[in-house]
Amino acid sequence: MSLFPWCPTLSSRRRTRFRVRTVAMGDGYAQKVPEGLHVQANTWDLEFRKSTRELLEIRTFLEAAEGRHFFWFQDPDTGRFHRVECEEFSNSPQDAPHQGRLSAVFVEVVRWP
C-alpha cells in the first residue's frame, strides 16, 4: 500500500457519481434503489505541472502500479485519503525548460481487504 505524495494543480477536479438502479412504472412513477453497499463513486481528473525530474518520479510510480494495484491518494479539497487506481495518464510537451505537464485519472477503488 503506497502513498501518492504529489499535489495536483488547482485546475484538477473530482467527479462523483451515485450508483442507483431506477425502475420506471407505466404511470410515470419511478423508484430508485442503491446498487450495492457503496453507491458513491469518485473519480479525479488530475493535472501536475512539475519539473521534469518530478514528472519522471510520478510516471515511474504510476507505471509501477500498472493500473491494477491500488495506492492511497489524499483529496486536496477534503484532506481525506482514498484508495485509488490509475489506468490512464498522459504526458504533455514541456511548457518551459525543465518543466512539464502530466494528466492522470484516478478512480476510487472499493474492495474488502
N, C-alpha and C. Protein backbone atom coordinates (compact mmCIF):
# COMPACT_ATOMS: atom_id res chain seq x y z
N MET A 1 0.84 -1.17 0.00
CA MET A 1 0.00 0.00 0.00
C MET A 1 0.89 1.24 0.00
N SER A 2 0.98 1.87 -1.13
CA SER A 2 1.82 3.06 -1.27
C SER A 2 0.99 4.33 -1.13
N LEU A 3 1.66 5.38 -0.75
CA LEU A 3 1.02 6.69 -0.66
C LEU A 3 1.50 7.54 -1.82
N PHE A 4 0.58 8.15 -2.54
CA PHE A 4 0.92 9.05 -3.64
C PHE A 4 1.20 10.43 -3.03
N PRO A 5 2.47 10.89 -3.00
CA PRO A 5 2.81 12.09 -2.24
C PRO A 5 2.71 13.42 -2.99
N TRP A 6 2.44 13.42 -4.29
CA TRP A 6 2.48 14.66 -5.06
C TRP A 6 1.13 15.38 -5.06
N CYS A 7 1.16 16.71 -5.08
CA CYS A 7 -0.06 17.53 -5.09
C CYS A 7 -0.38 17.96 -6.51
N PRO A 8 -1.62 17.81 -6.94
CA PRO A 8 -2.01 18.26 -8.28
C PRO A 8 -2.20 19.78 -8.32
N THR A 9 -2.35 20.31 -9.53
CA THR A 9 -2.61 21.74 -9.69
C THR A 9 -4.05 22.05 -9.28
N LEU A 10 -4.35 23.32 -9.13
CA LEU A 10 -5.69 23.74 -8.72
C LEU A 10 -6.74 23.48 -9.79
N SER A 11 -6.32 23.29 -11.05
CA SER A 11 -7.29 23.04 -12.11
C SER A 11 -7.83 21.61 -12.08
N SER A 12 -7.30 20.77 -11.21
CA SER A 12 -7.78 19.40 -11.10
C SER A 12 -9.19 19.39 -10.52
N ARG A 13 -9.92 18.30 -10.82
CA ARG A 13 -11.30 18.25 -10.33
C ARG A 13 -11.70 16.83 -9.94
N ARG A 14 -12.70 16.76 -9.06
CA ARG A 14 -13.26 15.49 -8.63
C ARG A 14 -14.67 15.37 -9.19
N ARG A 15 -14.98 14.19 -9.71
CA ARG A 15 -16.34 13.90 -10.17
C ARG A 15 -16.91 12.81 -9.27
N THR A 16 -18.19 12.95 -8.93
CA THR A 16 -18.88 11.97 -8.10
C THR A 16 -20.11 11.48 -8.83
N ARG A 17 -20.28 10.17 -8.83
CA ARG A 17 -21.46 9.56 -9.45
C ARG A 17 -22.06 8.61 -8.42
N PHE A 18 -23.38 8.63 -8.34
CA PHE A 18 -24.08 7.73 -7.43
C PHE A 18 -24.66 6.57 -8.22
N ARG A 19 -24.32 5.36 -7.79
CA ARG A 19 -24.81 4.16 -8.48
C ARG A 19 -26.18 3.78 -7.90
N VAL A 20 -27.20 4.04 -8.67
CA VAL A 20 -28.56 3.69 -8.27
C VAL A 20 -29.25 2.98 -9.44
N ARG A 21 -30.18 2.14 -9.10
CA ARG A 21 -30.98 1.43 -10.10
C ARG A 21 -32.36 2.05 -10.10
N THR A 22 -32.87 2.39 -11.28
CA THR A 22 -34.17 3.04 -11.40
C THR A 22 -35.14 2.09 -12.09
N VAL A 23 -36.30 1.95 -11.49
CA VAL A 23 -37.38 1.17 -12.09
C VAL A 23 -38.51 2.14 -12.40
N ALA A 24 -38.83 2.26 -13.70
CA ALA A 24 -39.89 3.18 -14.13
C ALA A 24 -41.20 2.41 -14.27
N MET A 25 -42.24 2.96 -13.69
CA MET A 25 -43.57 2.36 -13.78
C MET A 25 -44.32 3.00 -14.96
N GLY A 26 -45.39 2.37 -15.37
CA GLY A 26 -46.16 2.84 -16.52
C GLY A 26 -46.86 4.17 -16.30
N ASP A 27 -47.13 4.53 -15.08
CA ASP A 27 -47.87 5.77 -14.81
C ASP A 27 -46.96 6.97 -14.57
N GLY A 28 -45.65 6.82 -14.87
CA GLY A 28 -44.71 7.92 -14.68
C GLY A 28 -43.99 7.89 -13.35
N TYR A 29 -44.40 6.99 -12.49
CA TYR A 29 -43.75 6.86 -11.19
C TYR A 29 -42.43 6.10 -11.37
N ALA A 30 -41.39 6.49 -10.65
CA ALA A 30 -40.11 5.80 -10.71
C ALA A 30 -39.61 5.56 -9.29
N GLN A 31 -39.01 4.41 -9.10
CA GLN A 31 -38.44 4.08 -7.80
C GLN A 31 -36.94 3.85 -7.98
N LYS A 32 -36.14 4.39 -7.07
CA LYS A 32 -34.69 4.25 -7.15
C LYS A 32 -34.18 3.54 -5.90
N VAL A 33 -33.25 2.62 -6.13
CA VAL A 33 -32.63 1.89 -5.03
C VAL A 33 -31.12 1.88 -5.25
N PRO A 34 -30.34 1.88 -4.18
CA PRO A 34 -28.88 1.86 -4.33
C PRO A 34 -28.40 0.53 -4.90
N GLU A 35 -27.32 0.60 -5.70
CA GLU A 35 -26.68 -0.61 -6.22
C GLU A 35 -25.51 -0.96 -5.31
N GLY A 36 -25.71 -1.87 -4.40
CA GLY A 36 -24.65 -2.31 -3.52
C GLY A 36 -24.53 -1.46 -2.27
N LEU A 37 -23.45 -1.71 -1.53
CA LEU A 37 -23.24 -1.01 -0.26
C LEU A 37 -22.60 0.36 -0.44
N HIS A 38 -21.77 0.50 -1.45
CA HIS A 38 -21.05 1.75 -1.69
C HIS A 38 -21.58 2.38 -2.97
N VAL A 39 -22.48 3.33 -2.82
CA VAL A 39 -23.13 3.89 -4.01
C VAL A 39 -22.40 5.10 -4.57
N GLN A 40 -21.50 5.69 -3.80
CA GLN A 40 -20.79 6.88 -4.27
C GLN A 40 -19.48 6.46 -4.93
N ALA A 41 -19.33 6.82 -6.22
CA ALA A 41 -18.11 6.52 -6.97
C ALA A 41 -17.40 7.83 -7.29
N ASN A 42 -16.16 7.96 -6.84
CA ASN A 42 -15.39 9.18 -7.07
C ASN A 42 -14.30 8.96 -8.11
N THR A 43 -14.11 9.95 -8.95
CA THR A 43 -13.06 9.96 -9.96
C THR A 43 -12.40 11.33 -9.93
N TRP A 44 -11.07 11.35 -10.01
CA TRP A 44 -10.33 12.61 -10.03
C TRP A 44 -9.62 12.76 -11.36
N ASP A 45 -9.85 13.89 -12.02
CA ASP A 45 -9.11 14.27 -13.23
C ASP A 45 -8.01 15.22 -12.75
N LEU A 46 -6.79 14.74 -12.76
CA LEU A 46 -5.69 15.48 -12.14
C LEU A 46 -4.69 15.96 -13.17
N GLU A 47 -4.09 17.09 -12.86
CA GLU A 47 -3.02 17.62 -13.69
C GLU A 47 -1.87 18.01 -12.79
N PHE A 48 -0.67 17.69 -13.24
CA PHE A 48 0.53 18.01 -12.49
C PHE A 48 1.45 18.82 -13.39
N ARG A 49 1.83 20.01 -12.94
CA ARG A 49 2.82 20.84 -13.62
C ARG A 49 4.03 20.89 -12.70
N LYS A 50 5.03 20.14 -13.07
CA LYS A 50 6.19 19.96 -12.19
C LYS A 50 7.46 20.00 -13.03
N SER A 51 8.57 19.89 -12.34
CA SER A 51 9.86 19.77 -13.03
C SER A 51 9.90 18.42 -13.75
N THR A 52 10.74 18.32 -14.75
CA THR A 52 10.82 17.06 -15.50
C THR A 52 11.28 15.92 -14.58
N ARG A 53 12.09 16.22 -13.58
CA ARG A 53 12.53 15.20 -12.63
C ARG A 53 11.34 14.69 -11.81
N GLU A 54 10.50 15.60 -11.29
CA GLU A 54 9.32 15.19 -10.51
C GLU A 54 8.32 14.43 -11.38
N LEU A 55 8.15 14.86 -12.63
CA LEU A 55 7.22 14.16 -13.52
C LEU A 55 7.70 12.74 -13.81
N LEU A 56 9.02 12.57 -13.91
CA LEU A 56 9.57 11.23 -14.10
C LEU A 56 9.28 10.36 -12.88
N GLU A 57 9.37 10.93 -11.68
CA GLU A 57 9.05 10.19 -10.46
C GLU A 57 7.58 9.79 -10.43
N ILE A 58 6.69 10.72 -10.81
CA ILE A 58 5.25 10.42 -10.85
C ILE A 58 4.98 9.31 -11.87
N ARG A 59 5.54 9.46 -13.05
CA ARG A 59 5.33 8.46 -14.11
C ARG A 59 5.84 7.09 -13.68
N THR A 60 7.00 7.05 -13.04
CA THR A 60 7.56 5.79 -12.56
C THR A 60 6.65 5.16 -11.51
N PHE A 61 6.10 5.97 -10.60
CA PHE A 61 5.18 5.50 -9.58
C PHE A 61 3.93 4.87 -10.23
N LEU A 62 3.34 5.59 -11.20
CA LEU A 62 2.11 5.11 -11.85
C LEU A 62 2.38 3.87 -12.70
N GLU A 63 3.51 3.83 -13.36
CA GLU A 63 3.86 2.64 -14.16
C GLU A 63 4.08 1.43 -13.27
N ALA A 64 4.64 1.62 -12.09
CA ALA A 64 4.85 0.51 -11.16
C ALA A 64 3.51 -0.05 -10.67
N ALA A 65 2.50 0.81 -10.55
CA ALA A 65 1.17 0.36 -10.11
C ALA A 65 0.44 -0.41 -11.21
N GLU A 66 0.86 -0.23 -12.46
CA GLU A 66 0.35 -0.97 -13.62
C GLU A 66 -1.16 -0.89 -13.81
N GLY A 67 -1.80 0.11 -13.25
CA GLY A 67 -3.24 0.25 -13.44
C GLY A 67 -4.07 -0.79 -12.71
N ARG A 68 -3.43 -1.64 -11.93
CA ARG A 68 -4.17 -2.70 -11.24
C ARG A 68 -3.89 -2.77 -9.75
N HIS A 69 -2.84 -2.07 -9.31
CA HIS A 69 -2.53 -2.03 -7.88
C HIS A 69 -3.01 -0.69 -7.32
N PHE A 70 -3.71 -0.75 -6.21
CA PHE A 70 -4.21 0.49 -5.63
C PHE A 70 -3.11 1.19 -4.86
N PHE A 71 -3.33 2.48 -4.62
CA PHE A 71 -2.47 3.28 -3.76
C PHE A 71 -3.33 4.33 -3.08
N TRP A 72 -2.80 4.98 -2.08
CA TRP A 72 -3.55 5.97 -1.32
C TRP A 72 -3.31 7.36 -1.89
N PHE A 73 -4.40 8.10 -2.05
CA PHE A 73 -4.35 9.46 -2.59
C PHE A 73 -5.12 10.37 -1.64
N GLN A 74 -4.53 11.51 -1.31
CA GLN A 74 -5.20 12.47 -0.43
C GLN A 74 -5.93 13.51 -1.27
N ASP A 75 -7.25 13.57 -1.12
CA ASP A 75 -8.07 14.54 -1.85
C ASP A 75 -7.66 15.94 -1.40
N PRO A 76 -7.21 16.80 -2.35
CA PRO A 76 -6.77 18.13 -1.95
C PRO A 76 -7.89 19.01 -1.39
N ASP A 77 -9.14 18.72 -1.73
CA ASP A 77 -10.27 19.52 -1.24
C ASP A 77 -10.66 19.16 0.19
N THR A 78 -10.72 17.87 0.48
CA THR A 78 -11.22 17.42 1.78
C THR A 78 -10.13 16.97 2.74
N GLY A 79 -8.96 16.62 2.22
CA GLY A 79 -7.88 16.09 3.05
C GLY A 79 -8.04 14.62 3.39
N ARG A 80 -9.13 14.01 2.92
CA ARG A 80 -9.39 12.58 3.18
C ARG A 80 -8.55 11.72 2.25
N PHE A 81 -8.14 10.56 2.74
CA PHE A 81 -7.39 9.61 1.92
C PHE A 81 -8.35 8.63 1.26
N HIS A 82 -8.06 8.33 0.00
CA HIS A 82 -8.88 7.40 -0.78
C HIS A 82 -7.99 6.35 -1.41
N ARG A 83 -8.51 5.15 -1.51
CA ARG A 83 -7.83 4.05 -2.19
C ARG A 83 -8.17 4.18 -3.67
N VAL A 84 -7.17 4.38 -4.52
CA VAL A 84 -7.41 4.64 -5.94
C VAL A 84 -6.52 3.77 -6.83
N GLU A 85 -6.92 3.69 -8.10
CA GLU A 85 -6.11 3.10 -9.15
C GLU A 85 -6.01 4.11 -10.28
N CYS A 86 -4.96 3.99 -11.07
CA CYS A 86 -4.79 4.86 -12.23
C CYS A 86 -4.50 3.99 -13.45
N GLU A 87 -5.48 3.86 -14.33
CA GLU A 87 -5.32 3.07 -15.55
C GLU A 87 -4.88 3.92 -16.73
N GLU A 88 -4.90 5.24 -16.55
CA GLU A 88 -4.64 6.11 -17.69
C GLU A 88 -3.95 7.40 -17.25
N PHE A 89 -2.86 7.74 -17.93
CA PHE A 89 -2.22 9.04 -17.73
C PHE A 89 -1.50 9.43 -19.01
N SER A 90 -1.21 10.72 -19.16
CA SER A 90 -0.54 11.19 -20.38
C SER A 90 0.41 12.33 -20.04
N ASN A 91 1.48 12.40 -20.80
CA ASN A 91 2.45 13.48 -20.68
C ASN A 91 2.19 14.50 -21.77
N SER A 92 2.45 15.76 -21.48
CA SER A 92 2.36 16.82 -22.48
C SER A 92 3.76 17.38 -22.71
N PRO A 93 3.96 18.04 -23.84
CA PRO A 93 5.26 18.64 -24.09
C PRO A 93 5.62 19.64 -23.01
N GLN A 94 6.88 19.96 -22.93
CA GLN A 94 7.36 20.89 -21.91
C GLN A 94 6.77 22.28 -22.11
N ASP A 95 6.33 22.89 -20.99
CA ASP A 95 5.84 24.27 -21.02
C ASP A 95 7.00 25.25 -21.06
N ALA A 96 8.04 24.93 -20.34
CA ALA A 96 9.22 25.78 -20.22
C ALA A 96 10.41 24.84 -20.05
N PRO A 97 11.62 25.36 -20.14
CA PRO A 97 12.78 24.48 -19.93
C PRO A 97 12.70 23.79 -18.56
N HIS A 98 12.89 22.50 -18.58
CA HIS A 98 12.89 21.67 -17.36
C HIS A 98 11.54 21.66 -16.65
N GLN A 99 10.46 22.00 -17.32
CA GLN A 99 9.11 21.95 -16.76
C GLN A 99 8.22 21.14 -17.70
N GLY A 100 7.24 20.46 -17.16
CA GLY A 100 6.34 19.67 -17.98
C GLY A 100 4.98 19.53 -17.33
N ARG A 101 4.15 18.72 -17.99
CA ARG A 101 2.78 18.54 -17.54
C ARG A 101 2.41 17.06 -17.69
N LEU A 102 1.69 16.54 -16.69
CA LEU A 102 1.20 15.18 -16.74
C LEU A 102 -0.25 15.20 -16.29
N SER A 103 -1.12 14.52 -17.03
CA SER A 103 -2.54 14.39 -16.67
C SER A 103 -2.82 12.94 -16.32
N ALA A 104 -3.65 12.73 -15.31
CA ALA A 104 -3.97 11.37 -14.88
C ALA A 104 -5.41 11.32 -14.39
N VAL A 105 -5.99 10.12 -14.48
CA VAL A 105 -7.33 9.88 -13.98
C VAL A 105 -7.23 8.84 -12.86
N PHE A 106 -7.63 9.23 -11.66
CA PHE A 106 -7.63 8.33 -10.51
C PHE A 106 -9.08 7.91 -10.25
N VAL A 107 -9.30 6.62 -10.10
CA VAL A 107 -10.63 6.07 -9.85
C VAL A 107 -10.61 5.41 -8.47
N GLU A 108 -11.57 5.81 -7.64
CA GLU A 108 -11.64 5.22 -6.30
C GLU A 108 -12.00 3.75 -6.38
N VAL A 109 -11.31 2.95 -5.56
CA VAL A 109 -11.49 1.51 -5.55
C VAL A 109 -12.12 1.12 -4.21
N VAL A 110 -13.19 0.36 -4.28
CA VAL A 110 -13.82 -0.13 -3.06
C VAL A 110 -13.65 -1.64 -3.06
N ARG A 111 -12.79 -2.11 -2.17
CA ARG A 111 -12.53 -3.54 -2.03
C ARG A 111 -12.44 -3.88 -0.57
N TRP A 112 -12.80 -5.09 -0.28
CA TRP A 112 -12.60 -5.57 1.08
C TRP A 112 -11.18 -6.09 1.16
N PRO A 113 -10.49 -5.82 2.25
CA PRO A 113 -9.08 -6.26 2.37
C PRO A 113 -8.92 -7.76 2.29
